[in-house]
Amino acid sequence: MKAVVYQGPHDVAVTDVPDAKIERPTDVLVRVTTTNICGSDLHMYEGRTSFEKGRTFGHENMGEVVEIGKGVEKVKVGDRVVLPFNISCGFCKNCERGLTNYCLTTQPDPSAAELLRVPFGDHNALRLGEDAQDKENDYVMLSDIFPTGYHATEMAGVIPGDSVVIAGAGPVGLMAALSATIKGAAKVMVVDRHPDRLALAEQIGAIAIDDSKVDPVQAVLDETMGLGADRGCEPTILRATKIPATLNMLINSVRFTGGIGTVGVFVPQDPGAKGELAKQGKVAIDFGTHWFKGQTMGNGQAPVKRYNRRLRDLIAADKAKPSWIVSHEISLDQAADAYRNFDARSEGWTKTEVLSIHDGEIKARKNDLDEAGTFTVDGLVADASVGDYDALLLPGGTVNPDQLRVDKDAVSFVRDFVESGKPVAAICHGPWTLIEAGVAAGRTLTSFPSIRTDLRNAGADVVGRCGRQESHHQPLAGGPAGVLRGDRVPTRGHPDKGRGEVMSVTKGLLVRFDALPGKEDDVKEFLDSGRALVEDEQATTAWFAFRLGPTSFGIFDVFPDDAGRDAHPTCPALLR
């Protein structure tokens, strides 16, 4: 049979493995028809655990029973079933108490394969009705994320009429929002900064709070007459750099004596993390405030068996439709590409994060003087890993770049990013950090006029002009590390007549592609001419073309808002 097999960090492949088979009388053999990629899989994918090479990936699955052991009485061949990710025995001390998430005898087999042996089949296989195939994308959510989101609301103590704040609109966070709504919460608030995810939350009636634009704690207080939410849910999956911030946000936005449910994945050790606390599986939270407010906090893996039957019945009765969050449907043969895209956050799978040398919030400034809003920090540069990101955009102005270039963690991160061969873009005075990292020499760069001498002194070939009134056409060049092209920075006005009005950048578009054999020069020529095509696009703040290798190219653009991003691809010349 075919299965998704781990071959090392950032490397999985669909290969042939021995067929799963009945081994015990209580086993059930299932032909897997649907399985999900979970955010927690990426921890193993990135090589940050002891997950052994040769093991099969995956743990969220459903399918059709094709064989049963002699001791199986309830489940029949032909049944459509969904399986809990935490397979359990049903008879140990913990299982008898309903804690199947902490079964003392049984460990689950991997599931991203064509066949799956399910131990204790009568206990673990949840049978589905005649609508199983029609609602496959709904029922497969019962394997993990729907019960996990529901578990967060259970541990938080959500009851009808409650106000609930959820820290994150990822798949589990959205399931927590759906669960709170099902349980009769009067108000559900979802905090995130990604418009597409917040839009999904709004589709089920939740209040979207964009923490890149407002203080999320204050926003929750405003929605609850200054009292704070009754309950809070923390569903963050393996984002060690963000977990302290989300927990502290909940502690400060949930009322006195309120409840918090934590289902985000925490691990005892994370050797691949950069921060010392994260390496030890520890996080820094505001426990003093938590204790002072008399809050309760529940945590741990979800006991899927406790909830999946009732949630199944809600789906069957059309009272719940968790599949509204599905973004991609692929075949098993495409699994390796899916993991790579998911990990690299490729277009359509993308997540943008704000990293800083300080936690909490950072301020944006207009003309380096006037405050222009605050942005919540997703993680510390000291804790970040280059492998978690696909591209890096260094901020402009003078204040932020001046702080970054004297911070050893920031300089090291930028250096590692450039050496990884991934795209790096720098706005205005952002190249200061490139100079400090020692990566400007020998590269073709563009910059704000006042630091061109700095770049030349560092060994860079400086081209282009700042602003929109003048442009220079330079040949695309570069090696495996990539070369930045373009001459736009987020400013209006002539480069020699003052700065003009600073434009904020909130959206980016990264496209990477390979030239067909023998077409490399044609692609290079097209990219050389492409800059002129976007020159008249007033909503395109900056445009860069780069070459990653002999046949690999890319384009990176940034825009002030969604309207600018949506307008850019409509240019017919760029679509040909």
Protein backbone atom coordinates (compact mmCIF):
# COMPACT_ATOMS: atom_id res chain seq x y z
CA MET A 1 0.00 0.00 0.00
CA LYS A 2 1.05 3.63 -0.41
CA ALA A 3 1.73 5.84 2.59
CA VAL A 4 3.24 9.23 3.44
CA VAL A 5 6.61 8.35 4.96
CA TYR A 6 8.94 10.64 6.91
CA GLN A 7 12.44 10.59 5.41
CA GLY A 8 14.05 13.37 7.41
CA PRO A 9 13.52 17.07 8.20
CA HIS A 10 11.38 18.76 5.52
CA ASP A 11 11.26 15.55 3.53
CA VAL A 12 8.30 13.21 3.19
CA ALA A 13 7.46 10.95 0.27
CA VAL A 14 4.59 8.76 -0.84
CA THR A 15 6.12 5.29 -0.97
CA ASP A 16 5.08 1.64 -0.91
CA VAL A 17 4.98 0.06 2.55
CA PRO A 18 3.72 -3.35 3.73
CA ASP A 19 -0.06 -3.62 3.73
CA ALA A 20 -1.79 -3.12 7.06
CA LYS A 21 -3.55 -6.30 8.20
CA ILE A 22 -5.63 -7.76 11.00
CA GLU A 23 -3.34 -8.73 13.88
CA ARG A 24 -5.77 -9.28 16.76
CA PRO A 25 -9.37 -10.49 16.96
CA THR A 26 -10.55 -7.01 18.01
CA ASP A 27 -8.89 -5.24 15.05
CA VAL A 28 -10.70 -3.51 12.22
CA LEU A 29 -9.07 -2.82 8.84
CA VAL A 30 -10.09 0.49 7.24
CA ARG A 31 -9.50 1.73 3.72
CA VAL A 32 -8.74 5.39 4.36
CA THR A 33 -10.76 7.71 2.12
CA THR A 34 -9.92 11.08 3.69
CA THR A 35 -7.19 12.32 6.01
CA ASN A 36 -6.28 15.83 7.15
CA ILE A 37 -2.92 17.54 7.48
CA CYS A 38 -2.68 18.88 11.01
CA GLY A 39 -0.59 21.84 12.13
CA SER A 40 0.97 19.60 14.77
CA ASP A 41 2.40 17.41 11.97
CA LEU A 42 4.78 20.23 11.08
CA HIS A 43 6.70 19.82 14.31
CA MET A 44 7.73 16.34 13.18
CA TYR A 45 8.08 17.44 9.56
CA GLU A 46 10.61 20.09 10.56
CA GLY A 47 12.70 17.55 12.49
CA ARG A 48 12.06 19.13 15.88
CA THR A 49 11.04 15.89 17.62
CA SER A 50 12.35 12.35 18.00
CA PHE A 51 10.07 11.15 15.18
CA GLU A 52 12.02 8.37 13.45
CA LYS A 53 12.80 8.18 9.76
CA GLY A 54 10.67 5.60 7.99
CA ARG A 55 7.54 6.20 10.07
CA THR A 56 4.25 7.09 8.44
CA PHE A 57 2.72 10.52 8.93
CA GLY A 58 -0.84 11.50 9.79
CA HIS A 59 -3.49 11.00 12.47
CA GLU A 60 -6.82 12.46 11.27
CA ASN A 61 -8.74 9.99 9.15
CA MET A 62 -11.95 8.33 8.10
CA GLY A 63 -12.76 5.57 5.65
CA GLU A 64 -14.55 2.32 4.85
CA VAL A 65 -14.24 -0.93 6.81
CA VAL A 66 -12.87 -3.66 4.54
CA GLU A 67 -12.15 -6.42 7.08
CA ILE A 68 -12.90 -7.18 10.73
CA GLY A 69 -11.37 -9.48 13.32
CA LYS A 70 -13.23 -12.45 14.76
CA GLY A 71 -13.87 -10.63 18.02
CA VAL A 72 -15.53 -7.57 16.44
CA GLU A 73 -19.31 -7.55 16.92
CA LYS A 74 -20.65 -4.05 16.25
CA VAL A 75 -18.67 -2.76 13.27
CA LYS A 76 -19.38 -4.44 9.92
CA VAL A 77 -17.56 -4.64 6.61
CA GLY A 78 -18.78 -1.78 4.42
CA ASP A 79 -19.40 0.61 7.33
CA ARG A 80 -18.17 4.16 6.87
CA VAL A 81 -16.30 5.17 10.02
CA VAL A 82 -14.30 8.06 11.45
CA LEU A 83 -11.46 7.38 13.87
CA PRO A 84 -10.22 9.42 16.85
CA PHE A 85 -6.63 10.55 16.52
CA ASN A 86 -5.96 9.26 20.05
CA ILE A 87 -6.83 5.56 19.69
CA SER A 88 -7.64 3.99 23.07
CA CYS A 89 -8.44 0.62 24.62
CA GLY A 90 -11.67 1.49 26.43
CA PHE A 91 -10.92 -0.56 29.57
CA CYS A 92 -7.88 0.92 31.34
CA LYS A 93 -8.30 3.14 34.41
CA ASN A 94 -8.17 6.37 32.41
CA CYS A 95 -10.49 5.13 29.66
CA GLU A 96 -13.06 4.02 32.24
CA ARG A 97 -13.02 7.60 33.57
CA GLY A 98 -13.64 8.96 30.07
CA LEU A 99 -10.02 10.09 29.66
CA THR A 100 -9.38 8.24 26.41
CA ASN A 101 -6.86 10.96 25.57
CA TYR A 102 -4.61 9.45 28.23
CA CYS A 103 -5.10 5.75 27.52
CA LEU A 104 -2.57 3.66 29.44
CA THR A 105 -2.33 0.73 27.01
CA THR A 106 -2.74 1.77 23.39
CA GLN A 107 -0.92 4.05 20.98
CA PRO A 108 -2.39 5.02 17.59
CA ASP A 109 -1.02 3.71 14.31
CA PRO A 110 -0.15 6.30 11.63
CA SER A 111 -2.92 7.03 9.16
CA ALA A 112 -1.78 8.86 6.02
CA ALA A 113 -1.90 5.58 4.12
CA GLU A 114 -4.29 3.60 1.99
CA LEU A 115 -5.06 1.05 4.73
CA LEU A 116 -5.17 1.41 8.51
CA ARG A 117 -5.34 -1.21 11.24
CA VAL A 118 -7.56 0.04 14.05
CA PRO A 119 -7.12 -1.68 17.44
CA PHE A 120 -10.26 -2.29 19.52
CA GLY A 121 -12.39 -1.52 16.48
CA ASP A 122 -15.79 -1.69 18.21
CA HIS A 123 -14.61 0.94 20.68
CA ASN A 124 -12.70 3.29 18.35
CA ALA A 125 -14.54 3.21 15.02
CA LEU A 126 -17.45 5.65 15.08
CA ARG A 127 -19.99 4.50 12.51
CA LEU A 128 -21.54 7.06 10.18
CA GLY A 129 -24.89 7.20 8.41
CA GLU A 130 -25.91 7.06 4.78
CA ASP A 131 -24.75 10.64 4.26
CA ALA A 132 -21.12 9.73 5.05
CA GLN A 133 -19.88 10.22 1.49
CA ASP A 134 -21.88 13.39 0.88
CA LYS A 135 -20.55 14.95 4.10
CA GLU A 136 -17.09 13.41 4.11
CA ASN A 137 -15.34 16.76 4.59
CA ASP A 138 -17.53 17.40 7.63
CA TYR A 139 -17.24 14.01 9.26
CA VAL A 140 -13.45 13.80 8.91
CA MET A 141 -13.24 16.80 11.26
CA LEU A 142 -14.49 14.47 14.02
CA SER A 143 -11.10 12.76 14.04
CA ASP A 144 -9.42 15.71 15.75
CA ILE A 145 -10.05 19.41 15.26
CA PHE A 146 -13.82 19.59 15.86
CA PRO A 147 -13.67 17.66 19.17
CA THR A 148 -10.48 19.55 20.08
CA GLY A 149 -12.16 22.91 19.55
CA TYR A 150 -15.17 21.68 21.50
CA HIS A 151 -12.89 20.49 24.31
CA ALA A 152 -11.46 24.01 24.61
CA THR A 153 -14.94 25.35 25.29
CA GLU A 154 -15.62 22.55 27.78
CA MET A 155 -12.48 23.29 29.79
CA ALA A 156 -13.25 26.99 29.67
CA GLY A 157 -16.74 26.22 31.02
CA VAL A 158 -18.78 27.81 28.21
CA ILE A 159 -22.52 27.81 28.93
CA PRO A 160 -25.48 29.49 27.17
CA GLY A 161 -25.31 33.27 27.36
CA ASP A 162 -21.55 33.46 27.89
CA SER A 163 -19.20 35.81 26.09
CA VAL A 164 -16.18 33.96 24.70
CA VAL A 165 -12.84 35.18 23.31
CA ILE A 166 -10.73 32.84 21.17
CA ALA A 167 -7.03 33.53 20.61
CA GLY A 168 -6.48 32.57 17.00
CA ALA A 169 -8.56 31.77 13.92
CA GLY A 170 -6.67 28.72 12.75
CA PRO A 171 -8.60 25.48 12.17
CA VAL A 172 -8.89 24.58 15.88
CA GLY A 173 -9.70 28.17 16.83
CA LEU A 174 -12.49 28.26 14.27
CA MET A 175 -13.80 24.94 15.61
CA ALA A 176 -13.80 26.45 19.11
CA ALA A 177 -15.79 29.40 17.75
CA LEU A 178 -18.26 27.02 16.11
CA SER A 179 -18.52 24.99 19.32
CA ALA A 180 -19.15 28.07 21.46
CA THR A 181 -21.88 29.13 19.05
CA ILE A 182 -23.47 25.68 19.18
CA LYS A 183 -23.42 25.82 22.99
CA GLY A 184 -25.39 29.06 22.98
CA ALA A 185 -22.71 31.67 23.67
CA ALA A 186 -24.20 35.14 23.42
CA LYS A 187 -21.05 36.65 21.96
CA VAL A 188 -18.04 34.96 20.36
CA MET A 189 -14.95 37.09 19.65
CA VAL A 190 -12.08 35.72 17.56
CA VAL A 191 -8.68 37.43 17.65
CA ASP A 192 -6.36 37.06 14.67
CA ARG A 193 -4.67 39.23 12.06
CA HIS A 194 -5.32 37.32 8.85
CA PRO A 195 -8.32 38.70 6.94
CA ASP A 196 -9.19 35.39 5.29
CA ARG A 197 -9.36 33.60 8.64
CA LEU A 198 -11.27 36.40 10.31
CA ALA A 199 -13.72 36.33 7.40
CA LEU A 200 -14.34 32.62 8.10
CA ALA A 201 -15.06 33.46 11.74
CA GLU A 202 -17.55 36.13 10.69
CA GLN A 203 -19.35 33.59 8.50
CA ILE A 204 -20.57 31.82 11.65
CA GLY A 205 -21.52 35.04 13.42
CA ALA A 206 -18.35 35.64 15.43
CA ILE A 207 -16.95 39.12 16.03
CA ALA A 208 -13.60 39.48 14.25
CA ILE A 209 -10.87 41.35 16.15
CA ASP A 210 -7.81 42.20 14.05
CA ASP A 211 -4.96 42.50 16.54
CA SER A 212 -2.77 44.16 13.90
CA LYS A 213 -5.09 47.16 14.04
CA VAL A 214 -6.41 47.28 17.61
CA ASP A 215 -5.39 46.25 21.10
CA PRO A 216 -7.22 42.90 21.44
CA VAL A 217 -7.59 43.17 25.22
CA GLN A 218 -9.18 46.60 24.94
CA ALA A 219 -11.39 45.39 22.09
CA VAL A 220 -12.71 42.55 24.27
CA LEU A 221 -13.28 44.93 27.17
CA ASP A 222 -15.17 47.28 24.86
CA GLU A 223 -17.39 44.40 23.72
CA THR A 224 -18.13 43.34 27.32
CA MET A 225 -18.82 46.69 29.02
CA GLY A 226 -15.36 46.69 30.56
CA LEU A 227 -15.85 43.40 32.42
CA GLY A 228 -13.94 41.03 30.17
CA ALA A 229 -15.12 37.86 28.47
CA ASP A 230 -16.65 35.10 30.57
CA ARG A 231 -14.50 32.45 28.89
CA GLY A 232 -11.37 32.22 26.77
CA CYS A 233 -9.91 29.53 24.49
CA GLU A 234 -6.26 29.05 23.50
CA PRO A 235 -6.02 26.82 20.39
CA THR A 236 -2.55 27.76 19.11
CA ILE A 237 -0.81 24.77 17.52
CA LEU A 238 2.95 24.52 18.08
CA ARG A 239 3.77 28.19 17.76
CA ALA A 240 6.09 28.41 20.74
CA THR A 241 6.99 32.00 19.91
CA LYS A 242 3.36 33.09 20.09
CA ILE A 243 1.92 31.01 22.91
CA PRO A 244 2.99 33.33 25.78
CA ALA A 245 1.41 36.31 24.01
CA THR A 246 -1.89 34.51 23.40
CA LEU A 247 -2.11 33.16 26.94
CA ASN A 248 -1.36 36.56 28.43
CA MET A 249 -3.91 38.16 26.13
CA LEU A 250 -6.53 35.73 27.44
CA ILE A 251 -5.53 36.23 31.07
CA ASN A 252 -5.95 39.97 30.65
CA SER A 253 -9.15 39.86 28.59
CA VAL A 254 -11.09 37.21 30.58
CA ARG A 255 -12.99 38.53 33.59
CA PHE A 256 -12.38 37.83 37.27
CA THR A 257 -13.28 34.17 38.08
CA GLY A 258 -13.59 33.40 34.36
CA GLY A 259 -12.36 30.22 32.71
CA ILE A 260 -9.70 29.50 30.07
CA GLY A 261 -9.40 26.31 28.01
CA THR A 262 -5.97 25.57 26.53
CA VAL A 263 -5.74 22.97 23.77
CA GLY A 264 -2.79 24.43 21.88
CA VAL A 265 0.01 21.89 21.60
CA PHE A 266 2.72 22.36 24.21
CA VAL A 267 5.65 19.95 24.27
CA PRO A 268 7.95 19.03 27.18
CA GLN A 269 11.02 19.77 25.05
CA ASP A 270 11.60 21.53 21.74
CA PRO A 271 15.34 21.31 20.97
CA GLY A 272 14.85 23.00 17.60
CA ALA A 273 13.56 26.21 19.15
CA LYS A 274 15.93 29.15 19.59
CA GLY A 275 14.73 30.49 22.94
CA GLU A 276 16.04 28.75 26.04
CA LEU A 277 12.58 28.55 27.62
CA ALA A 278 11.05 27.12 24.45
CA LYS A 279 13.80 24.50 24.22
CA GLN A 280 12.77 23.32 27.68
CA GLY A 281 9.07 23.33 26.82
CA LYS A 282 8.44 26.32 29.09
CA VAL A 283 6.57 29.58 28.52
CA ALA A 284 6.48 32.85 30.43
CA ILE A 285 2.92 33.78 31.40
CA ASP A 286 1.41 36.38 33.71
CA PHE A 287 0.54 33.92 36.45
CA GLY A 288 0.25 36.68 39.04
CA THR A 289 -2.66 38.30 37.21
CA HIS A 290 -4.18 34.88 36.52
CA TRP A 291 -4.08 34.03 40.23
CA PHE A 292 -5.24 37.48 41.34
CA LYS A 293 -8.29 37.29 39.08
CA GLY A 294 -9.23 33.85 40.39
CA GLN A 295 -9.40 32.38 36.92
CA THR A 296 -9.44 28.67 36.18
CA MET A 297 -7.43 27.13 33.36
CA GLY A 298 -7.93 23.68 31.88
CA ASN A 299 -5.45 22.17 29.48
CA GLY A 300 -4.51 19.03 27.62
CA GLN A 301 -5.31 16.85 24.66
CA ALA A 302 -8.95 16.34 23.75
CA PRO A 303 -10.71 13.06 24.67
CA VAL A 304 -12.20 12.70 21.20
CA LYS A 305 -14.39 9.73 22.18
CA ARG A 306 -16.18 11.87 24.77
CA TYR A 307 -17.51 14.25 22.11
CA ASN A 308 -17.41 12.70 18.64
CA ARG A 309 -20.76 10.89 18.82
CA ARG A 310 -22.79 13.98 19.75
CA LEU A 311 -20.89 16.13 17.25
CA ARG A 312 -21.55 13.50 14.56
CA ASP A 313 -25.26 13.77 15.25
CA LEU A 314 -25.12 17.56 14.94
CA ILE A 315 -23.52 17.19 11.50
CA ALA A 316 -26.10 14.59 10.46
CA ALA A 317 -28.91 16.93 11.53
CA ASP A 318 -27.34 19.84 9.60
CA LYS A 319 -26.80 21.71 12.86
CA ALA A 320 -23.03 21.91 12.31
CA LYS A 321 -20.95 22.13 9.13
CA PRO A 322 -17.26 22.22 10.09
CA SER A 323 -16.12 21.77 6.48
CA TRP A 324 -16.61 25.48 5.84
CA ILE A 325 -12.92 25.92 6.74
CA VAL A 326 -11.54 23.46 4.12
CA SER A 327 -9.05 25.21 1.82
CA HIS A 328 -7.54 22.40 -0.30
CA GLU A 329 -8.51 18.90 -1.43
CA ILE A 330 -5.68 16.75 -2.81
CA SER A 331 -4.90 13.13 -3.61
CA LEU A 332 -2.51 10.99 -1.57
CA ASP A 333 0.06 11.22 -4.37
CA GLN A 334 0.20 14.99 -3.83
CA ALA A 335 0.82 14.72 -0.08
CA ALA A 336 4.55 15.50 -0.24
CA ASP A 337 3.85 18.75 -2.11
CA ALA A 338 1.06 19.57 0.33
CA TYR A 339 3.35 19.22 3.34
CA ARG A 340 5.99 21.34 1.63
CA ASN A 341 3.47 24.06 0.78
CA PHE A 342 1.89 23.91 4.22
CA ASP A 343 5.28 24.21 5.92
CA ALA A 344 6.53 26.93 3.55
CA ARG A 345 3.20 28.77 3.77
CA SER A 346 3.01 29.03 0.00
CA GLU A 347 0.38 31.13 -1.72
CA GLY A 348 -3.03 29.90 -0.68
CA TRP A 349 -1.45 28.26 2.39
CA THR A 350 0.20 31.46 3.56
CA LYS A 351 0.45 32.92 7.02
CA THR A 352 2.23 36.22 7.67
CA GLU A 353 3.75 36.89 11.08
CA VAL A 354 5.27 39.92 12.77
CA LEU A 355 8.56 39.15 14.50
CA SER A 356 10.25 41.64 16.80
CA ILE A 357 13.12 41.95 19.24
CA HIS A 358 10.49 42.85 21.87
CA ASP A 359 7.29 41.02 22.79
CA GLY A 360 3.87 42.59 23.23
CA GLU A 361 3.19 45.31 20.67
CA ILE A 362 5.25 47.51 18.36
CA LYS A 363 4.38 50.95 17.04
CA ALA A 364 4.24 52.07 13.43
CA ARG A 365 5.28 55.64 12.65
CA LYS A 366 4.59 58.11 9.89
CA ASN A 367 7.63 60.12 8.79
CA ASP A 368 9.46 58.61 11.79
CA LEU A 369 7.63 61.06 14.07
CA ASP A 370 3.88 60.55 14.25
CA GLU A 371 2.42 57.33 15.65
CA ALA A 372 0.47 55.37 13.04
CA GLY A 373 -1.03 52.45 14.96
CA THR A 374 0.22 49.42 16.86
CA PHE A 375 0.82 45.83 15.81
CA THR A 376 0.76 42.76 18.04
CA VAL A 377 3.99 40.77 17.91
CA ASP A 378 3.55 37.14 16.87
CA GLY A 379 6.94 36.03 18.10
CA LEU A 380 10.43 37.00 19.14
CA VAL A 381 13.24 36.98 16.61
CA ALA A 382 15.36 35.17 19.19
CA ASP A 383 12.90 32.25 19.14
CA ALA A 384 12.23 32.20 15.40
CA SER A 385 13.50 29.58 12.97
CA VAL A 386 14.26 30.39 9.33
CA GLY A 387 12.71 27.06 8.36
CA ASP A 388 9.30 28.33 9.51
CA TYR A 389 9.16 31.12 6.92
CA ASP A 390 9.19 31.50 3.17
CA ALA A 391 10.17 35.16 2.75
CA LEU A 392 11.38 38.05 4.91
CA LEU A 393 10.39 41.73 4.66
CA LEU A 394 12.54 44.17 6.65
CA PRO A 395 10.70 47.33 7.81
CA GLY A 396 11.53 50.83 6.68
CA GLY A 397 11.86 54.20 8.35
CA THR A 398 14.93 54.87 10.47
CA VAL A 399 13.81 53.98 14.00
CA ASN A 400 13.08 50.27 13.49
CA PRO A 401 16.06 49.50 11.21
CA ASP A 402 18.37 51.33 13.62
CA GLN A 403 17.23 49.07 16.47
CA LEU A 404 17.36 45.89 14.40
CA ARG A 405 20.93 46.41 13.19
CA VAL A 406 22.31 46.52 16.74
CA ASP A 407 20.39 43.47 17.96
CA LYS A 408 22.49 40.31 17.63
CA ASP A 409 19.46 38.01 17.30
CA ALA A 410 17.95 40.11 14.51
CA VAL A 411 21.25 40.34 12.64
CA SER A 412 21.81 36.59 12.97
CA PHE A 413 18.28 35.82 11.78
CA VAL A 414 18.66 38.06 8.72
CA ARG A 415 22.04 36.53 7.89
CA ASP A 416 20.65 32.99 8.17
CA PHE A 417 17.64 33.95 6.05
CA VAL A 418 19.78 35.31 3.23
CA GLU A 419 22.10 32.31 3.36
CA SER A 420 19.09 29.98 3.11
CA GLY A 421 18.44 31.30 -0.40
CA LYS A 422 14.93 32.52 0.42
CA PRO A 423 13.71 35.95 -0.77
CA VAL A 424 14.53 38.96 1.42
CA ALA A 425 13.08 42.41 0.75
CA ALA A 426 14.10 45.60 2.55
CA ILE A 427 12.19 48.88 2.53
CA CYS A 428 13.69 52.37 2.89
CA HIS A 429 16.47 52.13 5.54
CA GLY A 430 15.86 48.41 6.03
CA PRO A 431 19.12 47.50 4.19
CA TRP A 432 21.05 48.74 7.24
CA THR A 433 20.45 45.31 8.77
CA LEU A 434 21.69 43.62 5.58
CA ILE A 435 24.91 45.61 5.90
CA GLU A 436 25.31 44.68 9.56
CA ALA A 437 24.69 41.02 8.72
CA GLY A 438 27.49 41.13 6.15
CA VAL A 439 25.29 39.98 3.27
CA ALA A 440 25.17 43.12 1.10
CA ALA A 441 28.55 42.64 -0.57
CA GLY A 442 28.35 41.47 -4.17
CA ARG A 443 24.59 41.88 -4.42
CA THR A 444 22.55 44.23 -6.57
CA LEU A 445 20.34 46.30 -4.27
CA THR A 446 18.16 49.38 -4.29
CA SER A 447 17.53 51.73 -1.40
CA PHE A 448 16.49 55.10 -0.10
CA PRO A 449 18.95 57.74 -1.43
CA SER A 450 20.49 58.60 1.94
CA ILE A 451 21.90 55.10 2.55
CA ARG A 452 23.21 54.33 -0.92
CA THR A 453 26.71 55.30 0.13
CA ASP A 454 26.41 52.93 3.12
CA LEU A 455 25.50 50.10 0.76
CA ARG A 456 28.29 50.87 -1.68
CA ASN A 457 30.80 50.99 1.18
CA ALA A 458 29.53 47.54 2.19
CA GLY A 459 30.28 46.22 -1.30
CA ALA A 460 26.80 46.30 -2.84
CA ASP A 461 25.99 47.32 -6.41
CA VAL A 462 23.31 49.99 -5.90
CA VAL A 463 20.82 50.62 -8.71
CA GLY A 464 17.48 52.37 -9.21
CA ARG A 465 15.91 55.47 -7.78
CA CYS A 466 13.49 55.93 -4.91
CA GLY A 467 10.00 57.13 -5.75
CA ARG A 468 7.75 56.84 -8.79
CA GLN A 469 8.89 59.74 -10.94
CA GLU A 470 12.15 58.16 -12.10
CA SER A 471 13.05 54.61 -12.95
CA HIS A 472 16.10 52.73 -14.13
CA HIS A 473 16.07 49.52 -16.11
CA GLN A 474 18.83 47.20 -14.95
CA PRO A 475 19.51 43.61 -16.04
CA LEU A 476 18.26 40.94 -13.67
CA ALA A 477 21.23 39.20 -12.13
CA GLY A 478 22.05 37.04 -9.20
CA GLY A 479 22.96 33.69 -7.79
CA PRO A 480 21.37 31.11 -5.54
CA ALA A 481 20.89 33.56 -2.67
CA GLY A 482 18.69 35.79 -4.80
CA VAL A 483 18.94 39.40 -5.87
CA LEU A 484 16.45 42.11 -5.06
CA ARG A 485 15.23 44.25 -7.94
CA GLY A 486 12.98 47.28 -8.11
CA ASP A 487 13.28 50.78 -6.78
CA ARG A 488 10.15 51.47 -4.81
CA VAL A 489 9.93 52.19 -1.15
CA PRO A 490 6.76 53.07 0.79
CA THR A 491 6.89 56.80 0.18
CA ARG A 492 5.20 59.29 -2.09
CA GLY A 493 7.07 62.23 -3.58
CA HIS A 494 10.27 62.90 -5.47
CA PRO A 495 13.39 61.32 -3.91
CA ASP A 496 15.33 64.56 -4.08
CA LYS A 497 12.54 66.74 -2.68
CA GLY A 498 11.77 65.25 0.69
CA ARG A 499 10.08 62.10 1.82
CA GLY A 500 6.49 62.92 1.08
CA GLU A 501 3.78 60.79 2.68
CA VAL A 502 4.76 57.42 4.11
CA MET A 503 2.57 54.53 2.95
CA SER A 504 1.88 51.60 5.25
CA VAL A 505 2.35 48.12 3.82
CA THR A 506 -0.07 45.40 4.95
CA LYS A 507 -0.18 42.89 2.07
CA GLY A 508 2.42 40.99 0.11
CA LEU A 509 2.46 38.65 -2.87
CA LEU A 510 5.23 36.10 -3.41
CA VAL A 511 5.33 34.03 -6.60
CA ARG A 512 8.12 31.53 -7.28
CA PHE A 513 8.41 29.60 -10.53
CA ASP A 514 10.81 27.63 -12.75
CA ALA A 515 11.59 28.40 -16.37
CA LEU A 516 11.04 25.68 -18.94
CA PRO A 517 14.26 24.17 -20.33
CA GLY A 518 15.85 26.63 -22.73
CA LYS A 519 13.51 29.48 -21.69
CA GLU A 520 15.66 30.93 -18.90
CA ASP A 521 16.74 33.96 -20.93
CA ASP A 522 13.14 34.63 -22.00
CA VAL A 523 12.01 34.64 -18.37
CA LYS A 524 14.89 36.92 -17.41
CA GLU A 525 13.97 39.32 -20.22
CA PHE A 526 10.33 39.29 -19.16
CA LEU A 527 11.22 40.10 -15.56
CA ASP A 528 13.60 42.84 -16.67
CA SER A 529 10.72 44.44 -18.55
CA GLY A 530 8.12 43.67 -15.90
CA ARG A 531 9.04 46.64 -13.74
CA ALA A 532 7.84 49.03 -16.40
CA LEU A 533 4.48 47.25 -16.50
CA VAL A 534 3.78 47.91 -12.83
CA GLU A 535 5.17 51.45 -12.81
CA ASP A 536 1.70 52.94 -13.34
CA GLU A 537 0.06 50.83 -10.64
CA GLN A 538 -0.30 53.41 -7.91
CA ALA A 539 -1.37 50.80 -5.36
CA THR A 540 1.77 48.68 -5.84
CA THR A 541 4.10 50.05 -3.17
CA ALA A 542 7.16 47.98 -4.02
CA TRP A 543 8.07 45.43 -6.68
CA PHE A 544 11.02 43.04 -6.67
CA ALA A 545 12.14 40.37 -9.10
CA PHE A 546 14.84 37.88 -8.18
CA ARG A 547 16.65 34.83 -9.42
CA LEU A 548 17.13 31.91 -7.04
CA GLY A 549 19.11 29.66 -9.34
CA PRO A 550 19.81 28.78 -12.96
CA THR A 551 16.13 28.07 -13.69
CA SER A 552 14.32 29.41 -10.60
CA PHE A 553 12.85 32.91 -10.48
CA GLY A 554 10.41 34.88 -8.39
CA ILE A 555 8.47 38.11 -7.93
CA PHE A 556 7.69 39.77 -4.61
CA ASP A 557 5.29 42.73 -4.33
CA VAL A 558 3.91 44.66 -1.38
CA PHE A 559 0.70 46.68 -1.20
CA PRO A 560 -0.96 49.08 1.24
CA ASP A 561 -4.22 47.10 1.44
CA ASP A 562 -6.41 44.37 -0.07
CA ALA A 563 -7.57 46.67 -2.87
CA GLY A 564 -4.01 47.18 -4.04
CA ARG A 565 -3.29 43.47 -3.85
CA ASP A 566 -6.45 42.61 -5.82
CA ALA A 567 -5.79 45.24 -8.48
CA HIS A 568 -2.25 44.06 -9.26
CA PRO A 569 -2.96 40.70 -10.97
CA THR A 570 -5.61 42.25 -13.22
CA CYS A 571 -2.93 43.69 -15.49
CA PRO A 572 -3.32 41.57 -18.68
CA ALA A 573 0.34 41.92 -19.62
CA LEU A 574 1.39 40.31 -16.35
CA LEU A 575 -1.00 37.41 -16.77
CA ARG A 576 0.25 36.34 -20.18
